Amino acid sequence: RRLQADPSLRFTEVGRKLLRTLDPSATRPHDWAAMASSLPM
């Protein structure tokens, strides 16, 4: 959230790309085991 509020990231293409990659709605580390057991072998 602090990074998303930083204009030097929000208003540059590289910054926006990084912020999309860091999206907090993405899977969190504690979800990895459940995801791994649910994916097709």
Full PDB file with SEQRES, HELIX, SHEET, SSBOND, CRYST1, ORIGX, SCALE, CONECT and MASTER records, all heavy atoms in Angstrom:
SEQRES   1 A   41  ARG ARG LEU GLN ALA ASP PRO SER LEU ARG PHE THR GLU          
SEQRES   2 A   41  VAL GLY ARG LYS LEU LEU ARG THR LEU ASP PRO SER ALA          
SEQRES   3 A   41  THR ARG PRO HIS ASP TRP ALA ALA MET ALA SER SER LEU          
SEQRES   4 A   41  PRO MET                                                      
HELIX    1 AA1 PRO A    7  ARG A   10  1                                   4    
HELIX    2 AA2 GLU A   13  THR A   21  1                                   9    
HELIX    3 AA3 PRO A   29  ASP A   31  5                                   3    
HELIX    4 AA4 TRP A   32  SER A   38  1                                   7    
CRYST1    1.000    1.000    1.000  90.00  90.00  90.00 P 1           1          
ORIGX1      1.000000  0.000000  0.000000        0.00000                         
ORIGX2      0.000000  1.000000  0.000000        0.00000                         
ORIGX3      0.000000  0.000000  1.000000        0.00000                         
SCALE1      1.000000  0.000000  0.000000        0.00000                         
SCALE2      0.000000  1.000000  0.000000        0.00000                         
SCALE3      0.000000  0.000000  1.000000        0.00000                         
ATOM      1  N   ARG A   1       0.838  -1.210   0.000  1.00  0.00           N  
ATOM      2  CA  ARG A   1       0.000   0.000   0.000  1.00  0.00           C  
ATOM      3  C   ARG A   1       0.870   1.257   0.000  1.00  0.00           C  
ATOM      4  O   ARG A   1       0.556   2.231  -0.692  1.00  0.00           O  
ATOM      5  CB  ARG A   1      -0.946   0.009   1.203  1.00  0.00           C  
ATOM      6  CG  ARG A   1      -2.162  -0.878   1.015  1.00  0.00           C  
ATOM      7  CD  ARG A   1      -3.229  -0.617   2.058  1.00  0.00           C  
ATOM      8  NE  ARG A   1      -2.755  -0.713   3.421  1.00  0.00           N  
ATOM      9  CZ  ARG A   1      -2.673  -1.841   4.126  1.00  0.00           C  
ATOM     10  NH1 ARG A   1      -3.037  -2.979   3.570  1.00  0.00           N  
ATOM     11  NH2 ARG A   1      -2.239  -1.822   5.366  1.00  0.00           N  
ATOM     12  N   ARG A   2       1.965   1.254   0.768  1.00  0.00           N  
ATOM     13  CA  ARG A   2       2.870   2.418   0.770  1.00  0.00           C  
ATOM     14  C   ARG A   2       3.483   2.621  -0.609  1.00  0.00           C  
ATOM     15  O   ARG A   2       3.600   3.746  -1.087  1.00  0.00           O  
ATOM     16  CB  ARG A   2       3.975   2.250   1.820  1.00  0.00           C  
ATOM     17  CG  ARG A   2       3.508   2.549   3.229  1.00  0.00           C  
ATOM     18  CD  ARG A   2       4.666   2.675   4.194  1.00  0.00           C  
ATOM     19  NE  ARG A   2       5.530   1.520   4.251  1.00  0.00           N  
ATOM     20  CZ  ARG A   2       5.288   0.427   4.982  1.00  0.00           C  
ATOM     21  NH1 ARG A   2       4.208   0.340   5.714  1.00  0.00           N  
ATOM     22  NH2 ARG A   2       6.147  -0.574   4.980  1.00  0.00           N  
ATOM     23  N   LEU A   3       3.867   1.525  -1.243  1.00  0.00           N  
ATOM     24  CA  LEU A   3       4.444   1.635  -2.587  1.00  0.00           C  
ATOM     25  C   LEU A   3       3.391   2.120  -3.586  1.00  0.00           C  
ATOM     26  O   LEU A   3       3.685   2.935  -4.465  1.00  0.00           O  
ATOM     27  CB  LEU A   3       5.023   0.292  -3.031  1.00  0.00           C  
ATOM     28  CG  LEU A   3       6.266  -0.165  -2.276  1.00  0.00           C  
ATOM     29  CD1 LEU A   3       6.620  -1.600  -2.676  1.00  0.00           C  
ATOM     30  CD2 LEU A   3       7.431   0.766  -2.524  1.00  0.00           C  
ATOM     31  N   GLN A   4       2.158   1.638  -3.454  1.00  0.00           N  
ATOM     32  CA  GLN A   4       1.092   2.057  -4.366  1.00  0.00           C  
ATOM     33  C   GLN A   4       0.776   3.543  -4.224  1.00  0.00           C  
ATOM     34  O   GLN A   4       0.305   4.166  -5.166  1.00  0.00           O  
ATOM     35  CB  GLN A   4      -0.175   1.235  -4.108  1.00  0.00           C  
ATOM     36  CG  GLN A   4      -0.052  -0.193  -4.573  1.00  0.00           C  
ATOM     37  CD  GLN A   4      -1.221  -1.054  -4.126  1.00  0.00           C  
ATOM     38  OE1 GLN A   4      -1.842  -0.806  -3.097  1.00  0.00           O  
ATOM     39  NE2 GLN A   4      -1.496  -2.109  -4.892  1.00  0.00           N  
ATOM     40  N   ALA A   5       1.046   4.107  -3.070  1.00  0.00           N  
ATOM     41  CA  ALA A   5       0.782   5.533  -2.841  1.00  0.00           C  
ATOM     42  C   ALA A   5       1.911   6.423  -3.352  1.00  0.00           C  
ATOM     43  O   ALA A   5       1.757   7.636  -3.428  1.00  0.00           O  
ATOM     44  CB  ALA A   5       0.573   5.787  -1.349  1.00  0.00           C  
ATOM     45  N   ASP A   6       3.026   5.841  -3.723  1.00  0.00           N  
ATOM     46  CA  ASP A   6       4.194   6.608  -4.149  1.00  0.00           C  
ATOM     47  C   ASP A   6       4.044   7.034  -5.617  1.00  0.00           C  
ATOM     48  O   ASP A   6       4.019   6.191  -6.510  1.00  0.00           O  
ATOM     49  CB  ASP A   6       5.455   5.753  -3.985  1.00  0.00           C  
ATOM     50  CG  ASP A   6       6.728   6.536  -4.220  1.00  0.00           C  
ATOM     51  OD1 ASP A   6       6.736   7.454  -5.060  1.00  0.00           O  
ATOM     52  OD2 ASP A   6       7.733   6.225  -3.560  1.00  0.00           O  
ATOM     53  N   PRO A   7       3.944   8.344  -5.880  1.00  0.00           N  
ATOM     54  CA  PRO A   7       3.760   8.813  -7.261  1.00  0.00           C  
ATOM     55  C   PRO A   7       4.896   8.412  -8.200  1.00  0.00           C  
ATOM     56  O   PRO A   7       4.671   8.211  -9.386  1.00  0.00           O  
ATOM     57  CB  PRO A   7       3.704  10.339  -7.121  1.00  0.00           C  
ATOM     58  CG  PRO A   7       3.524  10.622  -5.687  1.00  0.00           C  
ATOM     59  CD  PRO A   7       3.959   9.430  -4.917  1.00  0.00           C  
ATOM     60  N   SER A   8       6.115   8.278  -7.666  1.00  0.00           N  
ATOM     61  CA  SER A   8       7.235   7.909  -8.535  1.00  0.00           C  
ATOM     62  C   SER A   8       7.077   6.492  -9.072  1.00  0.00           C  
ATOM     63  O   SER A   8       7.699   6.139 -10.077  1.00  0.00           O  
ATOM     64  CB  SER A   8       8.569   8.059  -7.806  1.00  0.00           C  
ATOM     65  OG  SER A   8       8.660   7.160  -6.716  1.00  0.00           O  
ATOM     66  N   LEU A   9       6.244   5.682  -8.448  1.00  0.00           N  
ATOM     67  CA  LEU A   9       5.934   4.357  -8.985  1.00  0.00           C  
ATOM     68  C   LEU A   9       4.637   4.386  -9.787  1.00  0.00           C  
ATOM     69  O   LEU A   9       4.566   3.836 -10.882  1.00  0.00           O  
ATOM     70  CB  LEU A   9       5.820   3.331  -7.854  1.00  0.00           C  
ATOM     71  CG  LEU A   9       7.118   2.990  -7.133  1.00  0.00           C  
ATOM     72  CD1 LEU A   9       6.843   2.084  -5.939  1.00  0.00           C  
ATOM     73  CD2 LEU A   9       8.113   2.344  -8.077  1.00  0.00           C  
ATOM     74  N   ARG A  10       3.617   5.030  -9.243  1.00  0.00           N  
ATOM     75  CA  ARG A  10       2.305   5.049  -9.903  1.00  0.00           C  
ATOM     76  C   ARG A  10       2.331   5.702 -11.267  1.00  0.00           C  
ATOM     77  O   ARG A  10       1.569   5.337 -12.150  1.00  0.00           O  
ATOM     78  CB  ARG A  10       1.291   5.811  -9.051  1.00  0.00           C  
ATOM     79  CG  ARG A  10       0.811   5.057  -7.859  1.00  0.00           C  
ATOM     80  CD  ARG A  10      -0.387   5.719  -7.232  1.00  0.00           C  
ATOM     81  NE  ARG A  10      -0.446   7.141  -7.498  1.00  0.00           N  
ATOM     82  CZ  ARG A  10      -0.772   8.058  -6.610  1.00  0.00           C  
ATOM     83  NH1 ARG A  10      -1.074   7.716  -5.399  1.00  0.00           N  
ATOM     84  NH2 ARG A  10      -0.818   9.326  -6.933  1.00  0.00           N  
ATOM     85  N   PHE A  11       3.200   6.694 -11.454  1.00  0.00           N  
ATOM     86  CA  PHE A  11       3.172   7.470 -12.686  1.00  0.00           C  
ATOM     87  C   PHE A  11       4.295   7.135 -13.660  1.00  0.00           C  
ATOM     88  O   PHE A  11       4.613   7.921 -14.540  1.00  0.00           O  
ATOM     89  CB  PHE A  11       3.169   8.967 -12.361  1.00  0.00           C  
ATOM     90  CG  PHE A  11       1.970   9.372 -11.534  1.00  0.00           C  
ATOM     91  CD1 PHE A  11       2.130  10.119 -10.395  1.00  0.00           C  
ATOM     92  CD2 PHE A  11       0.689   8.985 -11.893  1.00  0.00           C  
ATOM     93  CE1 PHE A  11       1.029  10.481  -9.624  1.00  0.00           C  
ATOM     94  CE2 PHE A  11      -0.413   9.346 -11.136  1.00  0.00           C  
ATOM     95  CZ  PHE A  11      -0.243  10.101  -9.995  1.00  0.00           C  
ATOM     96  N   THR A  12       4.894   5.951 -13.504  1.00  0.00           N  
ATOM     97  CA  THR A  12       5.876   5.482 -14.484  1.00  0.00           C  
ATOM     98  C   THR A  12       5.460   4.089 -14.941  1.00  0.00           C  
ATOM     99  O   THR A  12       4.846   3.332 -14.163  1.00  0.00           O  
ATOM    100  CB  THR A  12       7.304   5.412 -13.896  1.00  0.00           C  
ATOM    101  OG1 THR A  12       7.334   4.450 -12.828  1.00  0.00           O  
ATOM    102  CG2 THR A  12       7.771   6.767 -13.398  1.00  0.00           C  
ATOM    103  N   GLU A  13       5.777   3.746 -16.165  1.00  0.00           N  
ATOM    104  CA  GLU A  13       5.399   2.440 -16.693  1.00  0.00           C  
ATOM    105  C   GLU A  13       6.064   1.317 -15.904  1.00  0.00           C  
ATOM    106  O   GLU A  13       5.419   0.331 -15.544  1.00  0.00           O  
ATOM    107  CB  GLU A  13       5.752   2.335 -18.185  1.00  0.00           C  
ATOM    108  CG  GLU A  13       5.267   1.048 -18.824  1.00  0.00           C  
ATOM    109  CD  GLU A  13       3.761   0.838 -18.709  1.00  0.00           C  
ATOM    110  OE1 GLU A  13       2.995   1.814 -18.808  1.00  0.00           O  
ATOM    111  OE2 GLU A  13       3.338  -0.317 -18.511  1.00  0.00           O  
ATOM    112  N   VAL A  14       7.355   1.463 -15.608  1.00  0.00           N  
ATOM    113  CA  VAL A  14       8.071   0.445 -14.839  1.00  0.00           C  
ATOM    114  C   VAL A  14       7.441   0.295 -13.458  1.00  0.00           C  
ATOM    115  O   VAL A  14       7.220  -0.816 -12.969  1.00  0.00           O  
ATOM    116  CB  VAL A  14       9.574   0.799 -14.721  1.00  0.00           C  
ATOM    117  CG1 VAL A  14      10.271  -0.093 -13.727  1.00  0.00           C  
ATOM    118  CG2 VAL A  14      10.240   0.704 -16.079  1.00  0.00           C  
ATOM    119  N   GLY A  15       7.110   1.414 -12.825  1.00  0.00           N  
ATOM    120  CA  GLY A  15       6.498   1.385 -11.503  1.00  0.00           C  
ATOM    121  C   GLY A  15       5.142   0.703 -11.513  1.00  0.00           C  
ATOM    122  O   GLY A  15       4.828  -0.122 -10.643  1.00  0.00           O  
ATOM    123  N   ARG A  16       4.317   1.046 -12.516  1.00  0.00           N  
ATOM    124  CA  ARG A  16       2.996   0.417 -12.610  1.00  0.00           C  
ATOM    125  C   ARG A  16       3.117  -1.092 -12.826  1.00  0.00           C  
ATOM    126  O   ARG A  16       2.362  -1.880 -12.245  1.00  0.00           O  
ATOM    127  CB  ARG A  16       2.171   1.059 -13.728  1.00  0.00           C  
ATOM    128  CG  ARG A  16       1.635   2.436 -13.369  1.00  0.00           C  
ATOM    129  CD  ARG A  16       0.644   2.929 -14.409  1.00  0.00           C  
ATOM    130  NE  ARG A  16       1.236   3.121 -15.717  1.00  0.00           N  
ATOM    131  CZ  ARG A  16       1.806   4.252 -16.127  1.00  0.00           C  
ATOM    132  NH1 ARG A  16       1.851   5.292 -15.330  1.00  0.00           N  
ATOM    133  NH2 ARG A  16       2.313   4.341 -17.341  1.00  0.00           N  
ATOM    134  N   LYS A  17       4.080  -1.491 -13.638  1.00  0.00           N  
ATOM    135  CA  LYS A  17       4.288  -2.917 -13.890  1.00  0.00           C  
ATOM    136  C   LYS A  17       4.681  -3.627 -12.595  1.00  0.00           C  
ATOM    137  O   LYS A  17       4.161  -4.705 -12.277  1.00  0.00           O  
ATOM    138  CB  LYS A  17       5.376  -3.105 -14.955  1.00  0.00           C  
ATOM    139  CG  LYS A  17       5.563  -4.519 -15.404  1.00  0.00           C  
ATOM    140  CD  LYS A  17       6.564  -4.589 -16.545  1.00  0.00           C  
ATOM    141  CE  LYS A  17       6.709  -5.991 -17.058  1.00  0.00           C  
ATOM    142  NZ  LYS A  17       7.637  -6.061 -18.193  1.00  0.00           N  
ATOM    143  N   LEU A  18       5.575  -3.025 -11.831  1.00  0.00           N  
ATOM    144  CA  LEU A  18       5.972  -3.603 -10.548  1.00  0.00           C  
ATOM    145  C   LEU A  18       4.781  -3.682  -9.599  1.00  0.00           C  
ATOM    146  O   LEU A  18       4.551  -4.713  -8.953  1.00  0.00           O  
ATOM    147  CB  LEU A  18       7.097  -2.790  -9.903  1.00  0.00           C  
ATOM    148  CG  LEU A  18       7.506  -3.262  -8.507  1.00  0.00           C  
ATOM    149  CD1 LEU A  18       8.169  -4.631  -8.574  1.00  0.00           C  
ATOM    150  CD2 LEU A  18       8.417  -2.252  -7.854  1.00  0.00           C  
ATOM    151  N   LEU A  19       3.997  -2.612  -9.522  1.00  0.00           N  
ATOM    152  CA  LEU A  19       2.847  -2.598  -8.610  1.00  0.00           C  
ATOM    153  C   LEU A  19       1.822  -3.673  -8.987  1.00  0.00           C  
ATOM    154  O   LEU A  19       1.216  -4.288  -8.107  1.00  0.00           O  
ATOM    155  CB  LEU A  19       2.200  -1.212  -8.576  1.00  0.00           C  
ATOM    156  CG  LEU A  19       3.063  -0.123  -7.941  1.00  0.00           C  
ATOM    157  CD1 LEU A  19       2.402   1.241  -8.098  1.00  0.00           C  
ATOM    158  CD2 LEU A  19       3.363  -0.426  -6.486  1.00  0.00           C  
ATOM    159  N   ARG A  20       1.632  -3.912 -10.282  1.00  0.00           N  
ATOM    160  CA  ARG A  20       0.731  -4.988 -10.701  1.00  0.00           C  
ATOM    161  C   ARG A  20       1.279  -6.339 -10.246  1.00  0.00           C  
ATOM    162  O   ARG A  20       0.532  -7.220  -9.806  1.00  0.00           O  
ATOM    163  CB  ARG A  20       0.536  -4.985 -12.212  1.00  0.00           C  
ATOM    164  CG  ARG A  20      -0.412  -3.912 -12.707  1.00  0.00           C  
ATOM    165  CD  ARG A  20      -0.772  -4.104 -14.168  1.00  0.00           C  
ATOM    166  NE  ARG A  20       0.362  -4.053 -15.078  1.00  0.00           N  
ATOM    167  CZ  ARG A  20       0.850  -2.940 -15.627  1.00  0.00           C  
ATOM    168  NH1 ARG A  20       0.300  -1.769 -15.361  1.00  0.00           N  
ATOM    169  NH2 ARG A  20       1.879  -2.997 -16.455  1.00  0.00           N  
ATOM    170  N   THR A  21       2.587  -6.508 -10.337  1.00  0.00           N  
ATOM    171  CA  THR A  21       3.223  -7.758  -9.927  1.00  0.00           C  
ATOM    172  C   THR A  21       3.112  -7.977  -8.422  1.00  0.00           C  
ATOM    173  O   THR A  21       2.979  -9.102  -7.957  1.00  0.00           O  
ATOM    174  CB  THR A  21       4.712  -7.755 -10.341  1.00  0.00           C  
ATOM    175  OG1 THR A  21       4.793  -7.507 -11.740  1.00  0.00           O  
ATOM    176  CG2 THR A  21       5.377  -9.074 -10.032  1.00  0.00           C  
ATOM    177  N   LEU A  22       3.160  -6.884  -7.666  1.00  0.00           N  
ATOM    178  CA  LEU A  22       3.102  -6.963  -6.211  1.00  0.00           C  
ATOM    179  C   LEU A  22       1.677  -6.938  -5.665  1.00  0.00           C  
ATOM    180  O   LEU A  22       1.482  -6.814  -4.461  1.00  0.00           O  
ATOM    181  CB  LEU A  22       3.883  -5.787  -5.594  1.00  0.00           C  
ATOM    182  CG  LEU A  22       5.372  -5.777  -5.841  1.00  0.00           C  
ATOM    183  CD1 LEU A  22       5.983  -4.478  -5.330  1.00  0.00           C  
ATOM    184  CD2 LEU A  22       6.037  -6.973  -5.189  1.00  0.00           C  
ATOM    185  N   ASP A  23       0.687  -7.073  -6.527  1.00  0.00           N  
ATOM    186  CA  ASP A  23      -0.723  -6.986  -6.139  1.00  0.00           C  
ATOM    187  C   ASP A  23      -1.006  -7.821  -4.893  1.00  0.00           C  
ATOM    188  O   ASP A  23      -0.797  -9.036  -4.895  1.00  0.00           O  
ATOM    189  CB  ASP A  23      -1.596  -7.464  -7.294  1.00  0.00           C  
ATOM    190  CG  ASP A  23      -3.086  -7.379  -7.012  1.00  0.00           C  
ATOM    191  OD1 ASP A  23      -3.469  -6.945  -5.903  1.00  0.00           O  
ATOM    192  OD2 ASP A  23      -3.861  -7.746  -7.896  1.00  0.00           O  
ATOM    193  N   PRO A  24      -1.487  -7.159  -3.821  1.00  0.00           N  
ATOM    194  CA  PRO A  24      -1.725  -7.893  -2.572  1.00  0.00           C  
ATOM    195  C   PRO A  24      -2.865  -8.906  -2.649  1.00  0.00           C  
ATOM    196  O   PRO A  24      -2.975  -9.759  -1.782  1.00  0.00           O  
ATOM    197  CB  PRO A  24      -2.045  -6.791  -1.554  1.00  0.00           C  
ATOM    198  CG  PRO A  24      -2.459  -5.615  -2.353  1.00  0.00           C  
ATOM    199  CD  PRO A  24      -1.787  -5.743  -3.698  1.00  0.00           C  
ATOM    200  N   SER A  25      -3.691  -8.836  -3.686  1.00  0.00           N  
ATOM    201  CA  SER A  25      -4.765  -9.825  -3.805  1.00  0.00           C  
ATOM    202  C   SER A  25      -4.245 -11.141  -4.386  1.00  0.00           C  
ATOM    203  O   SER A  25      -4.968 -12.126  -4.433  1.00  0.00           O  
ATOM    204  CB  SER A  25      -5.897  -9.283  -4.685  1.00  0.00           C  
ATOM    205  OG  SER A  25      -5.434  -9.092  -6.011  1.00  0.00           O  
ATOM    206  N   ALA A  26      -2.970 -11.145  -4.820  1.00  0.00           N  
ATOM    207  CA  ALA A  26      -2.374 -12.376  -5.339  1.00  0.00           C  
ATOM    208  C   ALA A  26      -2.193 -13.376  -4.191  1.00  0.00           C  
ATOM    209  O   ALA A  26      -2.306 -13.041  -3.021  1.00  0.00           O  
ATOM    210  CB  ALA A  26      -1.029 -12.066  -5.988  1.00  0.00           C  
ATOM    211  N   THR A  27      -1.878 -14.594  -4.538  1.00  0.00           N  
ATOM    212  CA  THR A  27      -1.706 -15.653  -3.550  1.00  0.00           C  
ATOM    213  C   THR A  27      -0.595 -15.314  -2.565  1.00  0.00           C  
ATOM    214  O   THR A  27       0.457 -14.826  -2.941  1.00  0.00           O  
ATOM    215  CB  THR A  27      -1.373 -16.965  -4.276  1.00  0.00           C  
ATOM    216  OG1 THR A  27      -2.405 -17.225  -5.220  1.00  0.00           O  
ATOM    217  CG2 THR A  27      -1.288 -18.115  -3.303  1.00  0.00           C  
ATOM    218  N   ARG A  28      -0.851 -15.592  -1.294  1.00  0.00           N  
ATOM    219  CA  ARG A  28       0.133 -15.358  -0.229  1.00  0.00           C  
ATOM    220  C   ARG A  28       0.889 -16.663   0.047  1.00  0.00           C  
ATOM    221  O   ARG A  28       0.380 -17.750  -0.241  1.00  0.00           O  
ATOM    222  CB  ARG A  28      -0.560 -14.856   1.015  1.00  0.00           C  
ATOM    223  CG  ARG A  28      -1.081 -13.438   0.805  1.00  0.00           C  
ATOM    224  CD  ARG A  28      -1.772 -12.922   2.049  1.00  0.00           C  
ATOM    225  NE  ARG A  28      -2.096 -11.513   1.948  1.00  0.00           N  
ATOM    226  CZ  ARG A  28      -3.040 -10.992   1.198  1.00  0.00           C  
ATOM    227  NH1 ARG A  28      -3.746 -11.769   0.418  1.00  0.00           N  
ATOM    228  NH2 ARG A  28      -3.276  -9.700   1.193  1.00  0.00           N  
ATOM    229  N   PRO A  29       2.097 -16.566   0.623  1.00  0.00           N  
ATOM    230  CA  PRO A  29       2.905 -17.773   0.857  1.00  0.00           C  
ATOM    231  C   PRO A  29       2.180 -18.899   1.602  1.00  0.00           C  
ATOM    232  O   PRO A  29       2.392 -20.066   1.296  1.00  0.00           O  
ATOM    233  CB  PRO A  29       4.079 -17.247   1.677  1.00  0.00           C  
ATOM    234  CG  PRO A  29       4.220 -15.834   1.247  1.00  0.00           C  
ATOM    235  CD  PRO A  29       2.818 -15.355   0.990  1.00  0.00           C  
ATOM    236  N   HIS A  30       1.314 -18.566   2.552  1.00  0.00           N  
ATOM    237  CA  HIS A  30       0.628 -19.642   3.290  1.00  0.00           C  
ATOM    238  C   HIS A  30      -0.383 -20.384   2.430  1.00  0.00           C  
ATOM    239  O   HIS A  30      -0.877 -21.436   2.821  1.00  0.00           O  
ATOM    240  CB  HIS A  30      -0.012 -19.100   4.576  1.00  0.00           C  
ATOM    241  CG  HIS A  30      -1.098 -18.104   4.342  1.00  0.00           C  
ATOM    242  ND1 HIS A  30      -0.842 -16.761   4.208  1.00  0.00           N  
ATOM    243  CD2 HIS A  30      -2.436 -18.261   4.211  1.00  0.00           C  
ATOM    244  CE1 HIS A  30      -1.986 -16.127   4.004  1.00  0.00           C  
ATOM    245  NE2 HIS A  30      -2.959 -17.004   4.006  1.00  0.00           N  
ATOM    246  N   ASP A  31      -0.696 -19.868   1.240  1.00  0.00           N  
ATOM    247  CA  ASP A  31      -1.624 -20.538   0.327  1.00  0.00           C  
ATOM    248  C   ASP A  31      -0.915 -21.534  -0.597  1.00  0.00           C  
ATOM    249  O   ASP A  31      -1.582 -22.318  -1.267  1.00  0.00           O  
ATOM    250  CB  ASP A  31      -2.345 -19.512  -0.557  1.00  0.00           C  
ATOM    251  CG  ASP A  31      -3.209 -18.550   0.240  1.00  0.00           C  
ATOM    252  OD1 ASP A  31      -3.675 -18.914   1.331  1.00  0.00           O  
ATOM    253  OD2 ASP A  31      -3.394 -17.415  -0.245  1.00  0.00           O  
ATOM    254  N   TRP A  32       0.422 -21.499  -0.643  1.00  0.00           N  
ATOM    255  CA  TRP A  32       1.149 -22.307  -1.621  1.00  0.00           C  
ATOM    256  C   TRP A  32       0.921 -23.807  -1.435  1.00  0.00           C  
ATOM    257  O   TRP A  32       0.724 -24.531  -2.414  1.00  0.00           O  
ATOM    258  CB  TRP A  32       2.644 -22.014  -1.584  1.00  0.00           C  
ATOM    259  CG  TRP A  32       3.029 -20.635  -2.028  1.00  0.00           C  
ATOM    260  CD1 TRP A  32       3.809 -19.758  -1.335  1.00  0.00           C  
ATOM    261  CD2 TRP A  32       2.687 -19.960  -3.244  1.00  0.00           C  
ATOM    262  NE1 TRP A  32       3.958 -18.588  -2.033  1.00  0.00           N  
ATOM    263  CE2 TRP A  32       3.286 -18.682  -3.211  1.00  0.00           C  
ATOM    264  CE3 TRP A  32       1.929 -20.312  -4.352  1.00  0.00           C  
ATOM    265  CZ2 TRP A  32       3.152 -17.760  -4.251  1.00  0.00           C  
ATOM    266  CZ3 TRP A  32       1.793 -19.389  -5.387  1.00  0.00           C  
ATOM    267  CH2 TRP A  32       2.399 -18.140  -5.326  1.00  0.00           C  
ATOM    268  N   ALA A  33       0.961 -24.301  -0.204  1.00  0.00           N  
ATOM    269  CA  ALA A  33       0.808 -25.746   0.019  1.00  0.00           C  
ATOM    270  C   ALA A  33      -0.561 -26.227  -0.454  1.00  0.00           C  
ATOM    271  O   ALA A  33      -0.658 -27.266  -1.118  1.00  0.00           O  
ATOM    272  CB  ALA A  33       1.024 -26.077   1.491  1.00  0.00           C  
ATOM    273  N   ALA A  34      -1.594 -25.478  -0.125  1.00  0.00           N  
ATOM    274  CA  ALA A  34      -2.946 -25.863  -0.565  1.00  0.00           C  
ATOM    275  C   ALA A  34      -3.040 -25.824  -2.087  1.00  0.00           C  
ATOM    276  O   ALA A  34      -3.645 -26.709  -2.706  1.00  0.00           O  
ATOM    277  CB  ALA A  34      -3.982 -24.933   0.059  1.00  0.00           C  
ATOM    278  N   MET A  35      -2.419 -24.804  -2.683  1.00  0.00           N  
ATOM    279  CA  MET A  35      -2.450 -24.704  -4.136  1.00  0.00           C  
ATOM    280  C   MET A  35      -1.711 -25.883  -4.763  1.00  0.00           C  
ATOM    281  O   MET A  35      -2.201 -26.503  -5.710  1.00  0.00           O  
ATOM    282  CB  MET A  35      -1.817 -23.385  -4.591  1.00  0.00           C  
ATOM    283  CG  MET A  35      -1.878 -23.183  -6.099  1.00  0.00           C  
ATOM    284  SD  MET A  35      -1.060 -21.674  -6.624  1.00  0.00           S  
ATOM    285  CE  MET A  35      -2.176 -20.460  -6.020  1.00  0.00           C  
ATOM    286  N   ALA A  36      -0.533 -26.209  -4.227  1.00  0.00           N  
ATOM    287  CA  ALA A  36       0.269 -27.303  -4.783  1.00  0.00           C  
ATOM    288  C   ALA A  36      -0.482 -28.627  -4.730  1.00  0.00           C  
ATOM    289  O   ALA A  36      -0.409 -29.428  -5.672  1.00  0.00           O  
ATOM    290  CB  ALA A  36       1.593 -27.422  -4.033  1.00  0.00           C  
ATOM    291  N   SER A  37      -1.223 -28.873  -3.657  1.00  0.00           N  
ATOM    292  CA  SER A  37      -1.945 -30.143  -3.544  1.00  0.00           C  
ATOM    293  C   SER A  37      -3.188 -30.186  -4.428  1.00  0.00           C  
ATOM    294  O   SER A  37      -3.719 -31.258  -4.689  1.00  0.00           O  
ATOM    295  CB  SER A  37      -2.323 -30.414  -2.081  1.00  0.00           C  
ATOM    296  OG  SER A  37      -3.239 -29.444  -1.634  1.00  0.00           O  
ATOM    297  N   SER A  38      -3.638 -29.024  -4.912  1.00  0.00           N  
ATOM    298  CA  SER A  38      -4.845 -28.972  -5.735  1.00  0.00           C  
ATOM    299  C   SER A  38      -4.565 -28.929  -7.235  1.00  0.00           C  
ATOM    300  O   SER A  38      -5.480 -29.133  -8.031  1.00  0.00           O  
ATOM    301  CB  SER A  38      -5.667 -27.736  -5.365  1.00  0.00           C  
ATOM    302  OG  SER A  38      -6.047 -27.790  -4.021  1.00  0.00           O  
ATOM    303  N   LEU A  39      -3.340 -28.658  -7.624  1.00  0.00           N  
ATOM    304  CA  LEU A  39      -3.019 -28.547  -9.046  1.00  0.00           C  
ATOM    305  C   LEU A  39      -2.890 -29.924  -9.677  1.00  0.00           C  
ATOM    306  O   LEU A  39      -2.473 -30.882  -9.018  1.00  0.00           O  
ATOM    307  CB  LEU A  39      -1.708 -27.770  -9.225  1.00  0.00           C  
ATOM    308  CG  LEU A  39      -1.775 -26.294  -8.830  1.00  0.00           C  
ATOM    309  CD1 LEU A  39      -0.384 -25.674  -8.817  1.00  0.00           C  
ATOM    310  CD2 LEU A  39      -2.695 -25.536  -9.772  1.00  0.00           C  
ATOM    311  N   PRO A  40      -3.224 -30.040 -10.969  1.00  0.00           N  
ATOM    312  CA  PRO A  40      -3.094 -31.339 -11.648  1.00  0.00           C  
ATOM    313  C   PRO A  40      -1.629 -31.777 -11.693  1.00  0.00           C  
ATOM    314  O   PRO A  40      -0.729 -30.971 -11.959  1.00  0.00           O  
ATOM    315  CB  PRO A  40      -3.616 -31.078 -13.066  1.00  0.00           C  
ATOM    316  CG  PRO A  40      -4.079 -29.679 -13.108  1.00  0.00           C  
ATOM    317  CD  PRO A  40      -3.730 -28.997 -11.837  1.00  0.00           C  
ATOM    318  N   MET A  41      -1.396 -33.041 -11.422  1.00  0.00           N  
ATOM    319  CA  MET A  41      -0.038 -33.573 -11.349  1.00  0.00           C  
ATOM    320  C   MET A  41       0.711 -33.430 -12.679  1.00  0.00           C  
ATOM    321  O   MET A  41       1.912 -33.179 -12.675  1.00  0.00           O  
ATOM    322  CB  MET A  41      -0.073 -35.041 -10.920  1.00  0.00           C  
ATOM    323  CG  MET A  41       1.301 -35.565 -10.613  1.00  0.00           C  
ATOM    324  SD  MET A  41       2.161 -34.507  -9.437  1.00  0.00           S  
ATOM    325  CE  MET A  41       2.153 -35.552  -8.049  1.00  0.00           C  
TER     326      MET A  41                                                      
MASTER        0    0    0    4    0    0    0    6  325    1    0    4          
END                                                                             
